[in-house]
Amino acid sequence: MRLDDFDPNINVEDQRGQGGSGFGGFGGGGGGMLLGLLPLVFSRFGCGGVAILLAVVFFFGGGINMLSGGGSQYNGAPTAQIGQPQGGHDAASSCTVDAASKVACNAFSSADKTWGAIFQQAGQQFRAPKLVFYSGDGRSGCGAAQSAMGPFYCPQDQGIYLDTSFFAELSNRFGAKGDFAQDYVIAHEFGHHIQNLLGISDKVAQAQQSEGEVAGNHESVKLELQADCFAGVWAAHNKDRMDPGDIQEGMTAAHAIGDDTLQQESQGRVMPDSFTHGTSAQRMAWLKKGIDTGDLNQCDTFSGAI
């Protein structure tokens, strides 16, 4: 995918070389204790389990509001102009540490501009997230950041957290090669930020608080599939940047990280009730739907069958 070089004013934070420092702003209270279970939750339930845990801890209340004429605005944190630095971090140096860092920043910058324009056209307010690099262990507003968790989005500080070694794992372990596979990772996490801005994440957290584990997992699947669809929407708005084979790279990546595929490879059996991200077929279908339609209003995974 032929993306422009990143905007040097994007909000980037770099924790590489600093070492982890526990739970950031959390002390020994209930939230910190619960978030201390992140590595254990990941080992059993994967990134989806982590997403559920974070959503429950940081539930604010809200509703599902897709962007449309007359749709509700996000009334959370103050808005910022696209590209306006919010943390004073030097994106120019952090984004050029290595090739993987630049790929991540280019995709992040593109998603920032694309979603900012989509929100503006809909008369909605947009707040850009931040991209946080770490290596091995780091810290987030949601607790510890560890490489084993994979890339994740923290709604508490609106940060997309990435250990760039994941890109090598994506290619070598999962067989998902190519630049678009890496761009898809960033676009998917950016999709979680869009869900946060629209109040969708809050709605899911509310539902999970009142439901059992199996039903809660099902809500997580819907959330993750929608983030896949939002990643496709971003790609659709940048089709002029796509190369032949990019879509197939995305489909390969989506297939490789489906719950059924991962469980079959790691456990030799598939347990649908424990799915938190969706099957390979579902992930591919919703990513493709976003690419085909370019319309986030077509990404409603919460109505009807998925």
Foldseek 3Di string as FASTA:
>chain_A
DFFDFFQQLAAEAECAPVDADWAVPDDPDPLSVQLVCLVVQCVVQALLSVLLSLLLSPFDDDDFWFQDAPTDAQDDDDADDQSHYDPPDGLVVQQVPDPLSRLLRRLLRLLSVVVCVVCVVSVYTDHRAYEYEYAQWYYDNSTIDGPSRAWAARLVRRYTYHHSVVLVCLCPVLVLDDSLLSSLSSQLRVLLSVCSRRCNSNVLSVVLVVDDQLVNLVSLQLSQLLSLLSSLLSCLVVVVSDDPPSLVSNLSSLQSPAQQNVCCVPPVGHDNSSHRHHHSVSSSVSNVNSNVPSGSVVSRSPPDHD
